[in-house]
Structure formats: C-alpha cells, structure tokens
C-alpha cells in the first residue's frame, strides 16, 4: 500500500510480531496501529468491536500472499513426493474454488460450499458461520504469481528488509512452479 498510495519509505514504522496472535494483540494493546491479518484470525475481534476492518488486501493491493515451500534437499531428492503433494494441493485448490469462487473470480458459494465450510471448520477449530464471513480468493489452479513475488522481493530489498543479494528468480524451482500468466 505504501507503493500504491505513494507513502514515503520510513513513514510507517514496521514491527516484527512473529505470529498472527501477537499481531492482533499488538493492535488491541496499542503497540501497533495497523496489521494485515487473515480474516478468520481477526473476525471475532471485529465482531466484539475490539478492532475495525479497514479493507481487504485483495481490494486494495492484490498480491501473491502465500506460496508453498520445501527444502532444496527434498526438492532434489524426493521429486515423486513433491509432485504428489502438489497434486493434492492443486486438487484442494480446485475444490475450494468450486465451493466459493465464481467464474468471474468473485465470491460465489456453490453447491459444495456447506461441506467445504464444515471441513475447514473442523481443522481450524472455528464455527462454519465465522469462517464463511472470511472466505477469500485462492488461485483455482494453484498457480504462483511469479511476477508479483519478484516485485515483492525487489520492494523488500529496496526497503532494506532482505539480507544478502540475490535475484528473485533464484527462489523459484521451476520444475514445480506453475506460473500465473498475467494479462
């Protein structure tokens, strides 16, 4: 958002909180003014009036938020295991998209949404109703926005937030990455 709204580097003090719960506590306790948190982590505090929702990342600055990672040793020595894991993740991504994402990329609950919510609820320990309010977009084919991740790395380097020198492309193992092709 600094880049989008042309906020001067250094105008916002950034702190490392080390966990989602610590980030939420920092906001509620006044040690931090803002944070980017998963909706399911902050929804209860929003409902209680302890924090205010200012917007969503996807609406403000669409960016690649998550990626899968493994050790170099595993990537090199256990290709079949890595590929099996990725097939399972891609299958789950497709099921998630079928349940919650319309053809236009916007939220739309499909026939499988109640079952998907029940599964998510079971594994995150939150009621389905709470999870339903925070369902976000996930790339249906599990593709990685390589261009955006590279941009994020370069931005972090420009802010002094990355130690050492490396090219963003060096962090991707293109044997496994399916790039998201941007228009």
N, C-alpha and C. Protein backbone atom coordinates (compact mmCIF):
# COMPACT_ATOMS: atom_id res chain seq x y z
N UNK A 1 0.83 -1.19 0.00
CA UNK A 1 0.00 0.00 0.00
C UNK A 1 0.87 1.25 0.00
N UNK A 2 2.08 1.14 0.58
CA UNK A 2 2.99 2.28 0.51
C UNK A 2 3.24 2.65 -0.93
N UNK A 3 3.48 1.66 -1.75
CA UNK A 3 3.75 1.91 -3.17
C UNK A 3 2.51 2.45 -3.87
N UNK A 4 1.36 1.83 -3.65
CA UNK A 4 0.12 2.24 -4.31
C UNK A 4 -0.24 3.68 -3.98
N UNK A 5 -0.15 4.03 -2.70
CA UNK A 5 -0.57 5.36 -2.26
C UNK A 5 0.59 6.34 -2.12
N UNK A 6 1.75 5.94 -2.60
CA UNK A 6 2.95 6.79 -2.59
C UNK A 6 3.27 7.32 -1.19
N UNK A 7 3.25 6.42 -0.23
CA UNK A 7 3.64 6.76 1.13
C UNK A 7 5.15 6.66 1.21
N UNK A 8 5.78 7.68 1.74
CA UNK A 8 7.24 7.73 1.78
C UNK A 8 7.80 6.55 2.57
N UNK A 9 8.85 5.91 2.04
CA UNK A 9 9.50 4.84 2.80
C UNK A 9 9.92 5.36 4.17
N UNK A 10 9.67 4.59 5.16
CA UNK A 10 10.03 5.00 6.52
C UNK A 10 8.95 5.80 7.23
N UNK A 11 7.91 6.22 6.51
CA UNK A 11 6.84 6.98 7.16
C UNK A 11 5.99 6.09 8.07
N UNK A 12 6.05 4.80 7.82
CA UNK A 12 5.32 3.85 8.65
C UNK A 12 6.35 2.98 9.36
N UNK A 13 6.25 2.94 10.67
CA UNK A 13 7.15 2.09 11.46
C UNK A 13 6.63 0.66 11.40
N UNK A 14 7.48 -0.25 10.99
CA UNK A 14 7.12 -1.66 10.89
C UNK A 14 7.73 -2.41 12.05
N UNK A 15 6.94 -3.31 12.64
CA UNK A 15 7.45 -4.12 13.74
C UNK A 15 7.23 -5.60 13.42
N UNK A 16 8.13 -6.43 13.88
CA UNK A 16 8.00 -7.87 13.71
C UNK A 16 7.33 -8.43 14.96
N UNK A 17 6.16 -9.01 14.76
CA UNK A 17 5.42 -9.54 15.90
C UNK A 17 5.56 -11.05 16.03
N UNK A 18 6.04 -11.71 15.01
CA UNK A 18 6.36 -13.14 15.00
C UNK A 18 5.17 -14.08 14.88
N UNK A 19 3.93 -13.62 15.08
CA UNK A 19 2.78 -14.51 14.92
C UNK A 19 1.52 -13.69 14.71
N UNK A 20 0.51 -14.35 14.20
CA UNK A 20 -0.78 -13.70 13.98
C UNK A 20 -1.38 -13.25 15.31
N UNK A 21 -1.33 -14.12 16.31
CA UNK A 21 -1.91 -13.74 17.61
C UNK A 21 -1.17 -12.55 18.22
N UNK A 22 0.14 -12.49 18.05
CA UNK A 22 0.90 -11.35 18.55
C UNK A 22 0.55 -10.07 17.79
N UNK A 23 0.32 -10.19 16.48
CA UNK A 23 -0.07 -9.02 15.69
C UNK A 23 -1.41 -8.49 16.16
N UNK A 24 -2.36 -9.38 16.37
CA UNK A 24 -3.67 -8.96 16.86
C UNK A 24 -3.55 -8.32 18.24
N UNK A 25 -2.75 -8.92 19.11
CA UNK A 25 -2.56 -8.36 20.45
C UNK A 25 -1.89 -6.98 20.37
N UNK A 26 -0.96 -6.80 19.44
CA UNK A 26 -0.29 -5.51 19.29
C UNK A 26 -1.28 -4.42 18.87
N UNK A 27 -2.22 -4.76 18.01
CA UNK A 27 -3.25 -3.78 17.60
C UNK A 27 -4.16 -3.47 18.79
N UNK A 28 -4.66 -4.51 19.42
CA UNK A 28 -5.61 -4.32 20.52
C UNK A 28 -4.96 -3.60 21.71
N UNK A 29 -3.65 -3.82 21.91
CA UNK A 29 -2.95 -3.21 23.02
C UNK A 29 -2.33 -1.86 22.72
N UNK A 30 -2.46 -1.40 21.48
CA UNK A 30 -1.95 -0.08 21.13
C UNK A 30 -0.47 -0.02 20.76
N UNK A 31 0.21 -1.18 20.66
CA UNK A 31 1.61 -1.16 20.25
C UNK A 31 1.75 -1.01 18.73
N UNK A 32 0.68 -1.35 18.00
CA UNK A 32 0.67 -1.21 16.54
C UNK A 32 -0.63 -0.55 16.13
N UNK A 33 -0.57 0.22 15.08
CA UNK A 33 -1.77 0.90 14.59
C UNK A 33 -2.53 0.06 13.56
N UNK A 34 -1.81 -0.74 12.78
CA UNK A 34 -2.40 -1.50 11.69
C UNK A 34 -1.71 -2.84 11.57
N UNK A 35 -2.38 -3.78 10.91
CA UNK A 35 -1.76 -5.05 10.55
C UNK A 35 -2.55 -5.68 9.43
N UNK A 36 -1.90 -6.53 8.68
CA UNK A 36 -2.58 -7.35 7.69
C UNK A 36 -2.69 -8.73 8.30
N UNK A 37 -3.92 -9.17 8.55
CA UNK A 37 -4.17 -10.44 9.21
C UNK A 37 -5.20 -11.24 8.42
N UNK A 38 -5.17 -12.55 8.60
CA UNK A 38 -6.21 -13.36 7.98
C UNK A 38 -7.54 -13.01 8.63
N UNK A 39 -8.58 -13.02 7.82
CA UNK A 39 -9.89 -12.62 8.32
C UNK A 39 -10.37 -13.53 9.43
N UNK A 40 -10.11 -14.83 9.29
CA UNK A 40 -10.58 -15.75 10.33
C UNK A 40 -9.89 -15.47 11.66
N UNK A 41 -8.67 -14.97 11.63
CA UNK A 41 -7.95 -14.68 12.87
C UNK A 41 -8.49 -13.43 13.56
N UNK A 42 -9.00 -12.49 12.79
CA UNK A 42 -9.40 -11.20 13.34
C UNK A 42 -10.93 -11.04 13.43
N UNK A 43 -11.68 -11.92 12.81
CA UNK A 43 -13.13 -11.78 12.73
C UNK A 43 -13.80 -11.66 14.09
N UNK A 44 -13.40 -12.50 15.04
CA UNK A 44 -14.00 -12.46 16.37
C UNK A 44 -13.78 -11.09 17.03
N UNK A 45 -12.58 -10.56 16.91
CA UNK A 45 -12.28 -9.24 17.49
C UNK A 45 -13.07 -8.15 16.78
N UNK A 46 -13.30 -8.30 15.49
CA UNK A 46 -14.14 -7.33 14.76
C UNK A 46 -15.55 -7.38 15.29
N UNK A 47 -16.09 -8.60 15.43
CA UNK A 47 -17.46 -8.76 15.91
C UNK A 47 -17.64 -8.21 17.31
N UNK A 48 -16.60 -8.28 18.14
CA UNK A 48 -16.67 -7.76 19.52
C UNK A 48 -16.41 -6.26 19.58
N UNK A 49 -16.04 -5.65 18.44
CA UNK A 49 -15.76 -4.22 18.41
C UNK A 49 -14.38 -3.87 18.93
N UNK A 50 -13.50 -4.86 19.08
CA UNK A 50 -12.16 -4.61 19.60
C UNK A 50 -11.21 -4.06 18.53
N UNK A 51 -11.49 -4.37 17.28
CA UNK A 51 -10.72 -3.84 16.15
C UNK A 51 -11.70 -3.49 15.03
N UNK A 52 -11.25 -2.69 14.10
CA UNK A 52 -12.07 -2.27 12.96
C UNK A 52 -11.45 -2.79 11.67
N UNK A 53 -12.30 -3.28 10.79
CA UNK A 53 -11.86 -3.69 9.47
C UNK A 53 -11.76 -2.45 8.60
N UNK A 54 -10.57 -2.21 8.04
CA UNK A 54 -10.35 -1.04 7.20
C UNK A 54 -10.49 -1.38 5.71
N UNK A 55 -10.31 -2.62 5.37
CA UNK A 55 -10.39 -3.05 3.98
C UNK A 55 -9.78 -4.42 3.86
N UNK A 56 -9.77 -4.91 2.64
CA UNK A 56 -9.16 -6.22 2.40
C UNK A 56 -8.00 -6.05 1.44
N UNK A 57 -7.00 -6.88 1.62
CA UNK A 57 -5.80 -6.81 0.78
C UNK A 57 -6.18 -6.96 -0.68
N UNK A 58 -7.06 -7.92 -0.97
CA UNK A 58 -7.44 -8.16 -2.36
C UNK A 58 -8.10 -6.97 -3.02
N UNK A 59 -8.81 -6.16 -2.24
CA UNK A 59 -9.45 -4.97 -2.80
C UNK A 59 -8.46 -3.82 -2.94
N UNK A 60 -7.52 -3.74 -2.04
CA UNK A 60 -6.57 -2.63 -2.04
C UNK A 60 -5.35 -2.88 -2.92
N UNK A 61 -4.72 -3.99 -2.69
CA UNK A 61 -3.47 -4.28 -3.40
C UNK A 61 -3.40 -5.78 -3.67
N UNK A 62 -4.05 -6.25 -4.71
CA UNK A 62 -3.98 -7.69 -5.00
C UNK A 62 -2.53 -8.13 -5.12
N UNK A 63 -2.16 -9.16 -4.38
CA UNK A 63 -0.79 -9.62 -4.36
C UNK A 63 -0.77 -11.10 -4.03
N UNK A 64 0.32 -11.73 -4.37
CA UNK A 64 0.51 -13.14 -4.02
C UNK A 64 0.82 -13.18 -2.54
N UNK A 65 -0.08 -13.78 -1.76
CA UNK A 65 0.06 -13.77 -0.32
C UNK A 65 0.73 -15.04 0.21
N UNK A 66 0.52 -16.13 -0.44
CA UNK A 66 1.08 -17.37 0.09
C UNK A 66 1.74 -18.18 -1.01
N UNK A 67 2.62 -19.05 -0.59
CA UNK A 67 3.28 -19.94 -1.52
C UNK A 67 3.67 -21.20 -0.77
N UNK A 68 3.92 -22.25 -1.49
CA UNK A 68 4.38 -23.50 -0.90
C UNK A 68 5.89 -23.54 -0.95
N UNK A 69 6.50 -24.12 0.06
CA UNK A 69 7.97 -24.19 0.09
C UNK A 69 8.40 -25.56 0.60
N UNK A 70 9.57 -25.97 0.19
CA UNK A 70 10.20 -27.18 0.70
C UNK A 70 11.71 -26.95 0.72
N UNK A 71 12.41 -27.84 1.37
CA UNK A 71 13.86 -27.69 1.40
C UNK A 71 14.44 -28.04 0.03
N UNK A 72 15.60 -27.52 -0.26
CA UNK A 72 16.30 -27.84 -1.51
C UNK A 72 16.56 -29.34 -1.58
N UNK A 73 16.93 -29.93 -0.47
CA UNK A 73 17.20 -31.37 -0.43
C UNK A 73 15.95 -32.16 -0.82
N UNK A 74 14.80 -31.82 -0.26
CA UNK A 74 13.57 -32.52 -0.61
C UNK A 74 13.22 -32.31 -2.07
N UNK A 75 13.34 -31.09 -2.55
CA UNK A 75 13.03 -30.79 -3.95
C UNK A 75 13.91 -31.61 -4.89
N UNK A 76 15.18 -31.79 -4.53
CA UNK A 76 16.12 -32.51 -5.39
C UNK A 76 16.04 -34.03 -5.23
N UNK A 77 15.79 -34.50 -4.01
CA UNK A 77 15.89 -35.94 -3.74
C UNK A 77 14.56 -36.67 -3.71
N UNK A 78 13.46 -35.94 -3.61
CA UNK A 78 12.16 -36.62 -3.44
C UNK A 78 11.12 -36.06 -4.42
N UNK A 79 11.48 -36.03 -5.68
CA UNK A 79 10.62 -35.44 -6.71
C UNK A 79 9.22 -36.06 -6.72
N UNK A 80 9.11 -37.38 -6.62
CA UNK A 80 7.80 -38.02 -6.64
C UNK A 80 6.93 -37.56 -5.47
N UNK A 81 7.54 -37.42 -4.31
CA UNK A 81 6.80 -36.97 -3.13
C UNK A 81 6.34 -35.52 -3.31
N UNK A 82 7.22 -34.68 -3.82
CA UNK A 82 6.87 -33.27 -4.04
C UNK A 82 5.73 -33.19 -5.05
N UNK A 83 5.82 -33.93 -6.13
CA UNK A 83 4.77 -33.89 -7.16
C UNK A 83 3.44 -34.42 -6.62
N UNK A 84 3.48 -35.46 -5.80
CA UNK A 84 2.24 -35.99 -5.20
C UNK A 84 1.62 -34.95 -4.26
N UNK A 85 2.47 -34.31 -3.47
CA UNK A 85 1.97 -33.26 -2.57
C UNK A 85 1.32 -32.13 -3.37
N UNK A 86 1.99 -31.69 -4.43
CA UNK A 86 1.45 -30.60 -5.25
C UNK A 86 0.14 -31.00 -5.93
N UNK A 87 0.03 -32.26 -6.38
CA UNK A 87 -1.24 -32.72 -6.96
C UNK A 87 -2.36 -32.61 -5.94
N UNK A 88 -2.07 -33.01 -4.70
CA UNK A 88 -3.09 -32.93 -3.64
C UNK A 88 -3.48 -31.48 -3.35
N UNK A 89 -2.49 -30.61 -3.29
CA UNK A 89 -2.77 -29.18 -3.05
C UNK A 89 -3.60 -28.61 -4.20
N UNK A 90 -3.23 -28.93 -5.42
CA UNK A 90 -3.98 -28.41 -6.58
C UNK A 90 -5.40 -28.96 -6.60
N UNK A 91 -5.58 -30.19 -6.19
CA UNK A 91 -6.92 -30.76 -6.10
C UNK A 91 -7.75 -29.99 -5.06
N UNK A 92 -7.12 -29.72 -3.91
CA UNK A 92 -7.79 -28.94 -2.86
C UNK A 92 -8.10 -27.52 -3.32
N UNK A 93 -7.20 -26.92 -4.07
CA UNK A 93 -7.43 -25.57 -4.59
C UNK A 93 -8.63 -25.55 -5.53
N UNK A 94 -8.72 -26.56 -6.36
CA UNK A 94 -9.85 -26.67 -7.29
C UNK A 94 -11.16 -26.87 -6.51
N UNK A 95 -11.14 -27.75 -5.50
CA UNK A 95 -12.35 -27.98 -4.69
C UNK A 95 -12.78 -26.69 -3.99
N UNK A 96 -11.82 -25.95 -3.45
CA UNK A 96 -12.10 -24.68 -2.78
C UNK A 96 -12.73 -23.70 -3.77
N UNK A 97 -12.13 -23.58 -4.94
CA UNK A 97 -12.67 -22.66 -5.96
C UNK A 97 -14.07 -23.06 -6.38
N UNK A 98 -14.31 -24.36 -6.56
CA UNK A 98 -15.65 -24.81 -6.93
C UNK A 98 -16.66 -24.47 -5.84
N UNK A 99 -16.23 -24.51 -4.59
CA UNK A 99 -17.13 -24.22 -3.48
C UNK A 99 -17.40 -22.73 -3.32
N UNK A 100 -16.39 -21.88 -3.58
CA UNK A 100 -16.52 -20.48 -3.16
C UNK A 100 -16.25 -19.41 -4.22
N UNK A 101 -15.76 -19.77 -5.40
CA UNK A 101 -15.34 -18.75 -6.35
C UNK A 101 -16.10 -18.90 -7.66
N UNK A 102 -16.72 -17.80 -8.10
CA UNK A 102 -17.45 -17.80 -9.36
C UNK A 102 -16.50 -17.70 -10.54
N UNK A 103 -17.05 -17.84 -11.72
CA UNK A 103 -16.23 -17.78 -12.94
C UNK A 103 -15.56 -16.42 -13.13
N UNK A 104 -16.11 -15.38 -12.50
CA UNK A 104 -15.53 -14.04 -12.62
C UNK A 104 -14.48 -13.76 -11.54
N UNK A 105 -14.17 -14.77 -10.71
CA UNK A 105 -13.17 -14.60 -9.66
C UNK A 105 -13.73 -14.00 -8.38
N UNK A 106 -15.02 -13.72 -8.36
CA UNK A 106 -15.63 -13.14 -7.16
C UNK A 106 -16.27 -14.24 -6.32
N UNK A 107 -16.53 -13.92 -5.06
CA UNK A 107 -17.14 -14.87 -4.13
C UNK A 107 -18.51 -15.30 -4.64
N UNK A 108 -18.69 -16.60 -4.71
CA UNK A 108 -19.97 -17.19 -5.04
C UNK A 108 -19.98 -18.58 -4.41
N UNK A 109 -20.91 -18.81 -3.51
CA UNK A 109 -21.00 -20.12 -2.89
C UNK A 109 -21.68 -21.09 -3.83
N UNK A 110 -20.99 -22.18 -4.13
CA UNK A 110 -21.53 -23.23 -4.97
C UNK A 110 -22.18 -24.31 -4.12
N UNK A 111 -22.68 -25.35 -4.76
CA UNK A 111 -23.36 -26.43 -4.03
C UNK A 111 -22.48 -27.12 -2.99
N UNK A 112 -21.17 -27.13 -3.20
CA UNK A 112 -20.28 -27.82 -2.27
C UNK A 112 -19.81 -26.92 -1.12
N UNK A 113 -20.27 -25.68 -1.07
CA UNK A 113 -19.81 -24.74 -0.03
C UNK A 113 -20.09 -25.21 1.39
N UNK A 114 -21.29 -25.68 1.72
CA UNK A 114 -21.52 -26.13 3.11
C UNK A 114 -20.56 -27.24 3.55
N UNK A 115 -20.32 -28.21 2.67
CA UNK A 115 -19.39 -29.29 3.01
C UNK A 115 -17.97 -28.79 3.17
N UNK A 116 -17.56 -27.88 2.29
CA UNK A 116 -16.21 -27.32 2.39
C UNK A 116 -16.06 -26.51 3.68
N UNK A 117 -17.07 -25.75 4.04
CA UNK A 117 -17.03 -24.98 5.29
C UNK A 117 -16.92 -25.92 6.49
N UNK A 118 -17.63 -27.03 6.46
CA UNK A 118 -17.57 -27.99 7.56
C UNK A 118 -16.16 -28.57 7.71
N UNK A 119 -15.52 -28.87 6.59
CA UNK A 119 -14.15 -29.41 6.64
C UNK A 119 -13.19 -28.36 7.19
N UNK A 120 -13.27 -27.15 6.67
CA UNK A 120 -12.39 -26.07 7.16
C UNK A 120 -12.62 -25.84 8.64
N UNK A 121 -13.89 -25.79 9.04
CA UNK A 121 -14.25 -25.57 10.44
C UNK A 121 -13.61 -26.62 11.35
N UNK A 122 -13.68 -27.86 10.93
CA UNK A 122 -13.11 -28.96 11.72
C UNK A 122 -11.62 -28.76 11.95
N UNK A 123 -10.90 -28.35 10.92
CA UNK A 123 -9.45 -28.28 11.02
C UNK A 123 -8.91 -26.98 11.59
N UNK A 124 -9.69 -25.90 11.56
CA UNK A 124 -9.21 -24.65 12.16
C UNK A 124 -9.86 -24.37 13.50
N UNK A 125 -10.83 -25.20 13.88
CA UNK A 125 -11.44 -25.05 15.20
C UNK A 125 -12.28 -23.81 15.36
N UNK A 126 -12.91 -23.36 14.27
CA UNK A 126 -13.79 -22.20 14.33
C UNK A 126 -15.13 -22.58 13.72
N UNK A 127 -16.21 -21.95 14.18
CA UNK A 127 -17.53 -22.28 13.62
C UNK A 127 -17.62 -21.94 12.13
N UNK A 128 -18.37 -22.76 11.40
CA UNK A 128 -18.55 -22.54 9.96
C UNK A 128 -19.05 -21.14 9.66
N UNK A 129 -19.93 -20.63 10.50
CA UNK A 129 -20.50 -19.29 10.28
C UNK A 129 -19.42 -18.22 10.33
N UNK A 130 -18.46 -18.39 11.22
CA UNK A 130 -17.37 -17.42 11.33
C UNK A 130 -16.44 -17.53 10.12
N UNK A 131 -16.16 -18.73 9.70
CA UNK A 131 -15.29 -18.94 8.55
C UNK A 131 -15.93 -18.39 7.29
N UNK A 132 -17.24 -18.58 7.15
CA UNK A 132 -17.95 -18.16 5.93
C UNK A 132 -17.80 -16.67 5.68
N UNK A 133 -17.68 -15.87 6.71
CA UNK A 133 -17.55 -14.42 6.53
C UNK A 133 -16.17 -14.01 6.03
N UNK A 134 -15.19 -14.93 6.13
CA UNK A 134 -13.83 -14.57 5.76
C UNK A 134 -13.28 -15.36 4.58
N UNK A 135 -14.13 -16.00 3.82
CA UNK A 135 -13.65 -16.76 2.66
C UNK A 135 -13.04 -15.78 1.66
N UNK A 136 -11.83 -16.06 1.25
CA UNK A 136 -11.13 -15.19 0.31
C UNK A 136 -10.80 -15.93 -0.97
N UNK A 137 -10.33 -15.20 -1.94
CA UNK A 137 -9.95 -15.78 -3.22
C UNK A 137 -8.69 -16.62 -3.07
N UNK A 138 -8.68 -17.75 -3.72
CA UNK A 138 -7.47 -18.56 -3.84
C UNK A 138 -7.37 -18.99 -5.29
N UNK A 139 -6.19 -18.93 -5.85
CA UNK A 139 -5.98 -19.25 -7.25
C UNK A 139 -6.42 -20.69 -7.51
N UNK A 140 -7.44 -20.89 -8.35
CA UNK A 140 -8.04 -22.22 -8.51
C UNK A 140 -7.10 -23.31 -8.99
N UNK A 141 -6.09 -22.96 -9.75
CA UNK A 141 -5.17 -23.97 -10.28
C UNK A 141 -3.87 -24.04 -9.47
N UNK A 142 -3.80 -23.29 -8.38
CA UNK A 142 -2.60 -23.31 -7.55
C UNK A 142 -1.38 -22.69 -8.23
N UNK A 143 -1.62 -21.82 -9.19
CA UNK A 143 -0.50 -21.19 -9.90
C UNK A 143 0.12 -20.10 -9.02
N UNK A 144 1.38 -19.84 -9.25
CA UNK A 144 2.12 -18.85 -8.49
C UNK A 144 2.30 -17.59 -9.33
N UNK A 145 2.00 -16.45 -8.77
CA UNK A 145 2.20 -15.18 -9.45
C UNK A 145 3.68 -14.80 -9.32
N UNK A 146 4.50 -15.44 -10.13
CA UNK A 146 5.95 -15.27 -10.08
C UNK A 146 6.32 -13.80 -10.25
N UNK A 147 5.66 -13.12 -11.17
CA UNK A 147 5.96 -11.71 -11.41
C UNK A 147 5.73 -10.88 -10.15
N UNK A 148 4.62 -11.13 -9.45
CA UNK A 148 4.32 -10.36 -8.24
C UNK A 148 5.29 -10.70 -7.11
N UNK A 149 5.59 -11.98 -6.93
CA UNK A 149 6.54 -12.34 -5.87
C UNK A 149 7.89 -11.67 -6.14
N UNK A 150 8.32 -11.67 -7.40
CA UNK A 150 9.56 -10.99 -7.75
C UNK A 150 9.49 -9.50 -7.41
N UNK A 151 8.36 -8.89 -7.71
CA UNK A 151 8.17 -7.47 -7.40
C UNK A 151 8.24 -7.25 -5.88
N UNK A 152 7.61 -8.13 -5.11
CA UNK A 152 7.64 -8.00 -3.66
C UNK A 152 9.06 -8.13 -3.12
N UNK A 153 9.81 -9.08 -3.66
CA UNK A 153 11.20 -9.25 -3.22
C UNK A 153 12.00 -7.99 -3.51
N UNK A 154 11.86 -7.46 -4.72
CA UNK A 154 12.60 -6.24 -5.07
C UNK A 154 12.19 -5.07 -4.17
N UNK A 155 10.90 -4.96 -3.86
CA UNK A 155 10.45 -3.88 -2.98
C UNK A 155 11.06 -4.06 -1.59
N UNK A 156 11.03 -5.31 -1.07
CA UNK A 156 11.62 -5.56 0.24
C UNK A 156 13.11 -5.26 0.25
N UNK A 157 13.80 -5.61 -0.83
CA UNK A 157 15.23 -5.29 -0.94
C UNK A 157 15.43 -3.77 -0.90
N UNK A 158 14.57 -3.03 -1.59
CA UNK A 158 14.71 -1.57 -1.63
C UNK A 158 14.46 -0.94 -0.26
N UNK A 159 13.75 -1.65 0.60
CA UNK A 159 13.45 -1.15 1.95
C UNK A 159 14.45 -1.65 2.99
N UNK A 160 15.43 -2.43 2.54
CA UNK A 160 16.41 -2.98 3.47
C UNK A 160 15.86 -4.12 4.31
N UNK A 161 14.78 -4.72 3.85
CA UNK A 161 14.13 -5.78 4.63
C UNK A 161 14.58 -7.18 4.23
N UNK A 162 15.52 -7.28 3.30
CA UNK A 162 16.04 -8.58 2.85
C UNK A 162 17.55 -8.54 3.00
N UNK A 163 18.08 -9.54 3.67
CA UNK A 163 19.53 -9.62 3.85
C UNK A 163 20.16 -10.32 2.66
N UNK A 164 21.33 -9.88 2.29
CA UNK A 164 22.07 -10.50 1.20
C UNK A 164 21.54 -10.09 -0.16
N UNK A 165 22.29 -10.43 -1.16
CA UNK A 165 21.90 -10.10 -2.53
C UNK A 165 21.57 -11.38 -3.29
N UNK A 166 20.45 -11.39 -3.96
CA UNK A 166 20.06 -12.50 -4.80
C UNK A 166 19.01 -11.99 -5.77
N UNK A 167 18.84 -12.71 -6.83
CA UNK A 167 17.81 -12.37 -7.80
C UNK A 167 16.52 -13.09 -7.43
N UNK A 168 15.38 -12.43 -7.52
CA UNK A 168 14.12 -13.07 -7.15
C UNK A 168 13.88 -14.41 -7.84
N UNK A 169 14.29 -14.53 -9.11
CA UNK A 169 14.06 -15.79 -9.83
C UNK A 169 14.77 -16.97 -9.18
N UNK A 170 15.82 -16.69 -8.38
CA UNK A 170 16.58 -17.78 -7.78
C UNK A 170 15.81 -18.51 -6.68
N UNK A 171 14.69 -17.96 -6.21
CA UNK A 171 13.94 -18.62 -5.15
C UNK A 171 12.89 -19.59 -5.68
N UNK A 172 12.65 -19.59 -6.98
CA UNK A 172 11.63 -20.46 -7.58
C UNK A 172 12.26 -21.72 -8.13
N UNK A 173 11.65 -22.85 -7.88
CA UNK A 173 12.08 -24.10 -8.51
C UNK A 173 11.09 -24.37 -9.64
N UNK A 174 11.47 -23.97 -10.83
CA UNK A 174 10.56 -24.02 -11.97
C UNK A 174 10.24 -25.44 -12.43
N UNK A 175 10.87 -26.45 -11.82
CA UNK A 175 10.43 -27.82 -12.08
C UNK A 175 9.04 -28.04 -11.52
N UNK A 176 8.69 -27.27 -10.50
CA UNK A 176 7.43 -27.49 -9.79
C UNK A 176 6.44 -26.33 -9.91
N UNK A 177 6.92 -25.14 -10.14
CA UNK A 177 6.06 -23.96 -10.18
C UNK A 177 5.26 -23.92 -11.47
N UNK A 178 3.96 -23.67 -11.31
CA UNK A 178 3.10 -23.38 -12.47
C UNK A 178 2.83 -21.89 -12.40
N UNK A 179 3.46 -21.09 -13.28
CA UNK A 179 3.32 -19.64 -13.19
C UNK A 179 1.92 -19.18 -13.58
N UNK A 180 1.47 -18.15 -12.91
CA UNK A 180 0.24 -17.47 -13.27
C UNK A 180 0.60 -16.50 -14.38
N UNK A 181 -0.02 -16.65 -15.52
CA UNK A 181 0.24 -15.76 -16.63
C UNK A 181 -0.66 -14.54 -16.50
N UNK A 182 -0.06 -13.37 -16.38
CA UNK A 182 -0.82 -12.14 -16.21
C UNK A 182 -1.09 -11.52 -17.56
N UNK A 183 -2.25 -10.84 -17.68
CA UNK A 183 -2.57 -10.16 -18.96
C UNK A 183 -1.63 -9.01 -19.23
